[in-house]
Amino acid sequence: MPLTLAKPGENVTIRRIAGKDEVRAHLAELGFVADTVVTVVSALAGNLIVQVKDSRVALDATLANRIFI
């Protein structure tokens, strides 16, 4: 299921990243790679703030829908 369906406060593991090579490379630079545990900090209208490793990243709904957990 896409990351947008995770609830705030939930720890989830990334299973795969969908999309074009440029999008996957951009997300990988931000720390979103397979088998990484991320925490959803907050969600509003599909847009997310996610804690990945030691940083928080804001994702719009389009990017969050490309990350599968």
PDB file of N, CA and C in Angstrom:
ATOM      1  N   MET A   1       0.846  -1.183   0.000  1.00  0.00           N
ATOM      2  CA  MET A   1       0.000   0.000   0.000  1.00  0.00           C
ATOM      3  C   MET A   1       0.888   1.241   0.000  1.00  0.00           C
ATOM      4  N   PRO A   2       0.387   2.349  -0.517  1.00  0.00           N
ATOM      5  CA  PRO A   2       1.205   3.572  -0.564  1.00  0.00           C
ATOM      6  C   PRO A   2       1.376   4.196   0.812  1.00  0.00           C
ATOM      7  N   LEU A   3       2.423   4.972   0.951  1.00  0.00           N
ATOM      8  CA  LEU A   3       2.754   5.626   2.218  1.00  0.00           C
ATOM      9  C   LEU A   3       1.642   6.559   2.687  1.00  0.00           C
ATOM     10  N   THR A   4       0.849   7.087   1.778  1.00  0.00           N
ATOM     11  CA  THR A   4      -0.228   8.013   2.165  1.00  0.00           C
ATOM     12  C   THR A   4      -1.279   7.345   3.043  1.00  0.00           C
ATOM     13  N   LEU A   5      -1.344   6.019   3.063  1.00  0.00           N
ATOM     14  CA  LEU A   5      -2.326   5.317   3.880  1.00  0.00           C
ATOM     15  C   LEU A   5      -1.839   5.030   5.299  1.00  0.00           C
ATOM     16  N   ALA A   6      -0.581   5.351   5.595  1.00  0.00           N
ATOM     17  CA  ALA A   6      -0.056   5.150   6.944  1.00  0.00           C
ATOM     18  C   ALA A   6      -0.604   6.240   7.864  1.00  0.00           C
ATOM     19  N   LYS A   7      -0.828   5.874   9.118  1.00  0.00           N
ATOM     20  CA  LYS A   7      -1.367   6.815  10.095  1.00  0.00           C
ATOM     21  C   LYS A   7      -0.222   7.555  10.804  1.00  0.00           C
ATOM     22  N   PRO A   8      -0.465   8.792  11.237  1.00  0.00           N
ATOM     23  CA  PRO A   8       0.553   9.528  11.996  1.00  0.00           C
ATOM     24  C   PRO A   8       0.987   8.761  13.238  1.00  0.00           C
ATOM     25  N   GLY A   9       2.297   8.747  13.475  1.00  0.00           N
ATOM     26  CA  GLY A   9       2.857   8.036  14.608  1.00  0.00           C
ATOM     27  C   GLY A   9       3.219   6.592  14.297  1.00  0.00           C
ATOM     28  N   GLU A  10       2.849   6.123  13.127  1.00  0.00           N
ATOM     29  CA  GLU A  10       3.087   4.730  12.753  1.00  0.00           C
ATOM     30  C   GLU A  10       4.479   4.559  12.146  1.00  0.00           C
ATOM     31  N   ASN A  11       5.194   3.522  12.576  1.00  0.00           N
ATOM     32  CA  ASN A  11       6.472   3.159  11.972  1.00  0.00           C
ATOM     33  C   ASN A  11       6.200   2.143  10.877  1.00  0.00           C
ATOM     34  N   VAL A  12       6.699   2.416   9.684  1.00  0.00           N
ATOM     35  CA  VAL A  12       6.485   1.511   8.554  1.00  0.00           C
ATOM     36  C   VAL A  12       7.813   1.265   7.849  1.00  0.00           C
ATOM     37  N   THR A  13       7.886   0.167   7.122  1.00  0.00           N
ATOM     38  CA  THR A  13       9.085  -0.181   6.370  1.00  0.00           C
ATOM     39  C   THR A  13       8.806  -0.013   4.889  1.00  0.00           C
ATOM     40  N   ILE A  14       9.697   0.670   4.194  1.00  0.00           N
ATOM     41  CA  ILE A  14       9.549   0.872   2.752  1.00  0.00           C
ATOM     42  C   ILE A  14       9.834  -0.449   2.045  1.00  0.00           C
ATOM     43  N   ARG A  15       8.939  -0.855   1.168  1.00  0.00           N
ATOM     44  CA  ARG A  15       9.112  -2.095   0.409  1.00  0.00           C
ATOM     45  C   ARG A  15       9.640  -1.827  -1.003  1.00  0.00           C
ATOM     46  N   ARG A  16       9.113  -0.777  -1.647  1.00  0.00           N
ATOM     47  CA  ARG A  16       9.622  -0.428  -2.976  1.00  0.00           C
ATOM     48  C   ARG A  16       9.245   1.006  -3.309  1.00  0.00           C
ATOM     49  N   ILE A  17       9.959   1.553  -4.292  1.00  0.00           N
ATOM     50  CA  ILE A  17       9.715   2.905  -4.783  1.00  0.00           C
ATOM     51  C   ILE A  17       9.330   2.787  -6.253  1.00  0.00           C
ATOM     52  N   ALA A  18       8.214   3.367  -6.618  1.00  0.00           N
ATOM     53  CA  ALA A  18       7.751   3.335  -8.004  1.00  0.00           C
ATOM     54  C   ALA A  18       8.069   4.668  -8.675  1.00  0.00           C
ATOM     55  N   GLY A  19       8.000   4.684  -9.991  1.00  0.00           N
ATOM     56  CA  GLY A  19       8.195   5.925 -10.735  1.00  0.00           C
ATOM     57  C   GLY A  19       9.393   5.871 -11.648  1.00  0.00           C
ATOM     58  N   LYS A  20       9.631   6.995 -12.304  1.00  0.00           N
ATOM     59  CA  LYS A  20      10.763   7.102 -13.229  1.00  0.00           C
ATOM     60  C   LYS A  20      12.078   7.086 -12.467  1.00  0.00           C
ATOM     61  N   ASP A  21      13.147   6.830 -13.190  1.00  0.00           N
ATOM     62  CA  ASP A  21      14.472   6.759 -12.577  1.00  0.00           C
ATOM     63  C   ASP A  21      14.839   8.044 -11.844  1.00  0.00           C
ATOM     64  N   GLU A  22      14.467   9.200 -12.410  1.00  0.00           N
ATOM     65  CA  GLU A  22      14.807  10.475 -11.780  1.00  0.00           C
ATOM     66  C   GLU A  22      14.098  10.620 -10.437  1.00  0.00           C
ATOM     67  N   VAL A  23      12.842  10.201 -10.385  1.00  0.00           N
ATOM     68  CA  VAL A  23      12.066  10.303  -9.147  1.00  0.00           C
ATOM     69  C   VAL A  23      12.640   9.364  -8.097  1.00  0.00           C
ATOM     70  N   ARG A  24      12.948   8.143  -8.486  1.00  0.00           N
ATOM     71  CA  ARG A  24      13.507   7.169  -7.547  1.00  0.00           C
ATOM     72  C   ARG A  24      14.873   7.632  -7.043  1.00  0.00           C
ATOM     73  N   ALA A  25      15.675   8.224  -7.924  1.00  0.00           N
ATOM     74  CA  ALA A  25      16.989   8.721  -7.507  1.00  0.00           C
ATOM     75  C   ALA A  25      16.834   9.888  -6.522  1.00  0.00           C
ATOM     76  N   HIS A  26      15.885  10.780  -6.781  1.00  0.00           N
ATOM     77  CA  HIS A  26      15.648  11.912  -5.885  1.00  0.00           C
ATOM     78  C   HIS A  26      15.219  11.416  -4.503  1.00  0.00           C
ATOM     79  N   LEU A  27      14.298  10.462  -4.453  1.00  0.00           N
ATOM     80  CA  LEU A  27      13.849   9.926  -3.174  1.00  0.00           C
ATOM     81  C   LEU A  27      14.974   9.182  -2.456  1.00  0.00           C
ATOM     82  N   ALA A  28      15.830   8.505  -3.208  1.00  0.00           N
ATOM     83  CA  ALA A  28      16.965   7.800  -2.607  1.00  0.00           C
ATOM     84  C   ALA A  28      17.930   8.798  -1.964  1.00  0.00           C
ATOM     85  N   GLU A  29      18.125   9.968  -2.595  1.00  0.00           N
ATOM     86  CA  GLU A  29      18.986  11.001  -2.025  1.00  0.00           C
ATOM     87  C   GLU A  29      18.427  11.528  -0.703  1.00  0.00           C
ATOM     88  N   LEU A  30      17.105  11.502  -0.573  1.00  0.00           N
ATOM     89  CA  LEU A  30      16.464  11.962   0.657  1.00  0.00           C
ATOM     90  C   LEU A  30      16.453  10.877   1.737  1.00  0.00           C
ATOM     91  N   GLY A  31      16.838   9.644   1.367  1.00  0.00           N
ATOM     92  CA  GLY A  31      16.893   8.558   2.344  1.00  0.00           C
ATOM     93  C   GLY A  31      15.804   7.522   2.192  1.00  0.00           C
ATOM     94  N   PHE A  32      14.950   7.677   1.184  1.00  0.00           N
ATOM     95  CA  PHE A  32      13.868   6.726   0.964  1.00  0.00           C
ATOM     96  C   PHE A  32      14.343   5.599   0.060  1.00  0.00           C
ATOM     97  N   VAL A  33      14.810   4.516   0.677  1.00  0.00           N
ATOM     98  CA  VAL A  33      15.259   3.333  -0.046  1.00  0.00           C
ATOM     99  C   VAL A  33      14.563   2.117   0.573  1.00  0.00           C
ATOM    100  N   ALA A  34      14.539   1.018  -0.160  1.00  0.00           N
ATOM    101  CA  ALA A  34      13.865  -0.190   0.305  1.00  0.00           C
ATOM    102  C   ALA A  34      14.459  -0.665   1.628  1.00  0.00           C
ATOM    103  N   ASP A  35      13.614  -1.229   2.466  1.00  0.00           N
ATOM    104  CA  ASP A  35      13.964  -1.784   3.786  1.00  0.00           C
ATOM    105  C   ASP A  35      14.361  -0.733   4.809  1.00  0.00           C
ATOM    106  N   THR A  36      14.009   0.527   4.568  1.00  0.00           N
ATOM    107  CA  THR A  36      14.249   1.591   5.537  1.00  0.00           C
ATOM    108  C   THR A  36      12.979   1.807   6.349  1.00  0.00           C
ATOM    109  N   VAL A  37      13.130   1.960   7.659  1.00  0.00           N
ATOM    110  CA  VAL A  37      11.981   2.233   8.523  1.00  0.00           C
ATOM    111  C   VAL A  37      11.783   3.740   8.600  1.00  0.00           C
ATOM    112  N   VAL A  38      10.555   4.184   8.345  1.00  0.00           N
ATOM    113  CA  VAL A  38      10.216   5.607   8.434  1.00  0.00           C
ATOM    114  C   VAL A  38       9.035   5.764   9.384  1.00  0.00           C
ATOM    115  N   THR A  39       8.908   6.958   9.947  1.00  0.00           N
ATOM    116  CA  THR A  39       7.805   7.270  10.850  1.00  0.00           C
ATOM    117  C   THR A  39       7.012   8.424  10.264  1.00  0.00           C
ATOM    118  N   VAL A  40       5.708   8.254  10.169  1.00  0.00           N
ATOM    119  CA  VAL A  40       4.841   9.334   9.704  1.00  0.00           C
ATOM    120  C   VAL A  40       4.610  10.272  10.881  1.00  0.00           C
ATOM    121  N   VAL A  41       5.062  11.512  10.749  1.00  0.00           N
ATOM    122  CA  VAL A  41       4.925  12.491  11.822  1.00  0.00           C
ATOM    123  C   VAL A  41       3.546  13.138  11.766  1.00  0.00           C
ATOM    124  N   SER A  42       3.142  13.580  10.578  1.00  0.00           N
ATOM    125  CA  SER A  42       1.805  14.154  10.422  1.00  0.00           C
ATOM    126  C   SER A  42       1.339  13.981   8.985  1.00  0.00           C
ATOM    127  N   ALA A  43       0.018  14.016   8.835  1.00  0.00           N
ATOM    128  CA  ALA A  43      -0.590  13.870   7.508  1.00  0.00           C
ATOM    129  C   ALA A  43      -1.732  14.869   7.395  1.00  0.00           C
ATOM    130  N   LEU A  44      -1.787  15.553   6.255  1.00  0.00           N
ATOM    131  CA  LEU A  44      -2.853  16.507   6.014  1.00  0.00           C
ATOM    132  C   LEU A  44      -3.173  16.509   4.526  1.00  0.00           C
ATOM    133  N   ALA A  45      -4.357  16.054   4.176  1.00  0.00           N
ATOM    134  CA  ALA A  45      -4.825  16.016   2.787  1.00  0.00           C
ATOM    135  C   ALA A  45      -3.888  15.229   1.878  1.00  0.00           C
ATOM    136  N   GLY A  46      -3.320  14.157   2.396  1.00  0.00           N
ATOM    137  CA  GLY A  46      -2.423  13.329   1.593  1.00  0.00           C
ATOM    138  C   GLY A  46      -0.978  13.768   1.631  1.00  0.00           C
ATOM    139  N   ASN A  47      -0.720  14.984   2.061  1.00  0.00           N
ATOM    140  CA  ASN A  47       0.649  15.463   2.207  1.00  0.00           C
ATOM    141  C   ASN A  47       1.186  14.998   3.552  1.00  0.00           C
ATOM    142  N   LEU A  48       2.456  14.588   3.577  1.00  0.00           N
ATOM    143  CA  LEU A  48       3.010  13.977   4.771  1.00  0.00           C
ATOM    144  C   LEU A  48       4.277  14.670   5.241  1.00  0.00           C
ATOM    145  N   ILE A  49       4.505  14.616   6.531  1.00  0.00           N
ATOM    146  CA  ILE A  49       5.817  14.909   7.099  1.00  0.00           C
ATOM    147  C   ILE A  49       6.294  13.588   7.669  1.00  0.00           C
ATOM    148  N   VAL A  50       7.465  13.147   7.205  1.00  0.00           N
ATOM    149  CA  VAL A  50       7.962  11.818   7.528  1.00  0.00           C
ATOM    150  C   VAL A  50       9.342  11.936   8.143  1.00  0.00           C
ATOM    151  N   GLN A  51       9.596  11.174   9.200  1.00  0.00           N
ATOM    152  CA  GLN A  51      10.929  11.090   9.792  1.00  0.00           C
ATOM    153  C   GLN A  51      11.627   9.902   9.147  1.00  0.00           C
ATOM    154  N   VAL A  52      12.724  10.178   8.458  1.00  0.00           N
ATOM    155  CA  VAL A  52      13.533   9.125   7.846  1.00  0.00           C
ATOM    156  C   VAL A  52      14.957   9.328   8.327  1.00  0.00           C
ATOM    157  N   LYS A  53      15.503   8.289   8.929  1.00  0.00           N
ATOM    158  CA  LYS A  53      16.816   8.358   9.576  1.00  0.00           C
ATOM    159  C   LYS A  53      16.785   9.476  10.607  1.00  0.00           C
ATOM    160  N   ASP A  54      17.636  10.484  10.528  1.00  0.00           N
ATOM    161  CA  ASP A  54      17.660  11.538  11.543  1.00  0.00           C
ATOM    162  C   ASP A  54      17.088  12.858  11.050  1.00  0.00           C
ATOM    163  N   SER A  55      16.273  12.831  10.006  1.00  0.00           N
ATOM    164  CA  SER A  55      15.720  14.084   9.501  1.00  0.00           C
ATOM    165  C   SER A  55      14.245  13.932   9.177  1.00  0.00           C
ATOM    166  N   ARG A  56      13.578  15.063   9.125  1.00  0.00           N
ATOM    167  CA  ARG A  56      12.168  15.089   8.752  1.00  0.00           C
ATOM    168  C   ARG A  56      12.055  15.666   7.347  1.00  0.00           C
ATOM    169  N   VAL A  57      11.203  15.024   6.551  1.00  0.00           N
ATOM    170  CA  VAL A  57      11.033  15.417   5.159  1.00  0.00           C
ATOM    171  C   VAL A  57       9.548  15.599   4.887  1.00  0.00           C
ATOM    172  N   ALA A  58       9.190  16.678   4.195  1.00  0.00           N
ATOM    173  CA  ALA A  58       7.813  16.900   3.770  1.00  0.00           C
ATOM    174  C   ALA A  58       7.644  16.352   2.358  1.00  0.00           C
ATOM    175  N   LEU A  59       6.592  15.561   2.166  1.00  0.00           N
ATOM    176  CA  LEU A  59       6.305  14.976   0.858  1.00  0.00           C
ATOM    177  C   LEU A  59       4.897  15.357   0.441  1.00  0.00           C
ATOM    178  N   ASP A  60       4.741  15.744  -0.824  1.00  0.00           N
ATOM    179  CA  ASP A  60       3.391  15.958  -1.310  1.00  0.00           C
ATOM    180  C   ASP A  60       2.759  14.605  -1.622  1.00  0.00           C
ATOM    181  N   ALA A  61       1.466  14.598  -1.854  1.00  0.00           N
ATOM    182  CA  ALA A  61       0.736  13.347  -2.054  1.00  0.00           C
ATOM    183  C   ALA A  61       1.243  12.575  -3.262  1.00  0.00           C
ATOM    184  N   THR A  62       1.676  13.276  -4.321  1.00  0.00           N
ATOM    185  CA  THR A  62       2.157  12.600  -5.514  1.00  0.00           C
ATOM    186  C   THR A  62       3.401  11.772  -5.221  1.00  0.00           C
ATOM    187  N   LEU A  63       4.365  12.346  -4.524  1.00  0.00           N
ATOM    188  CA  LEU A  63       5.577  11.592  -4.177  1.00  0.00           C
ATOM    189  C   LEU A  63       5.289  10.505  -3.159  1.00  0.00           C
ATOM    190  N   ALA A  64       4.457  10.806  -2.181  1.00  0.00           N
ATOM    191  CA  ALA A  64       4.136   9.810  -1.147  1.00  0.00           C
ATOM    192  C   ALA A  64       3.435   8.595  -1.733  1.00  0.00           C
ATOM    193  N   ASN A  65       2.663   8.794  -2.795  1.00  0.00           N
ATOM    194  CA  ASN A  65       1.974   7.666  -3.428  1.00  0.00           C
ATOM    195  C   ASN A  65       2.925   6.771  -4.198  1.00  0.00           C
ATOM    196  N   ARG A  66       4.137   7.193  -4.451  1.00  0.00           N
ATOM    197  CA  ARG A  66       5.122   6.377  -5.160  1.00  0.00           C
ATOM    198  C   ARG A  66       5.940   5.509  -4.198  1.00  0.00           C
ATOM    199  N   ILE A  67       5.790   5.741  -2.903  1.00  0.00           N
ATOM    200  CA  ILE A  67       6.519   4.967  -1.895  1.00  0.00           C
ATOM    201  C   ILE A  67       5.565   3.911  -1.338  1.00  0.00           C
ATOM    202  N   PHE A  68       5.908   2.649  -1.516  1.00  0.00           N
ATOM    203  CA  PHE A  68       5.054   1.557  -1.066  1.00  0.00           C
ATOM    204  C   PHE A  68       5.617   0.907   0.191  1.00  0.00           C
ATOM    205  N   ILE A  69       4.710   0.629   1.124  1.00  0.00           N
ATOM    206  CA  ILE A  69       5.098   0.056   2.417  1.00  0.00           C
ATOM    207  C   ILE A  69       4.503  -1.326   2.579  1.00  0.00           C
TER     208      ILE A  69
END
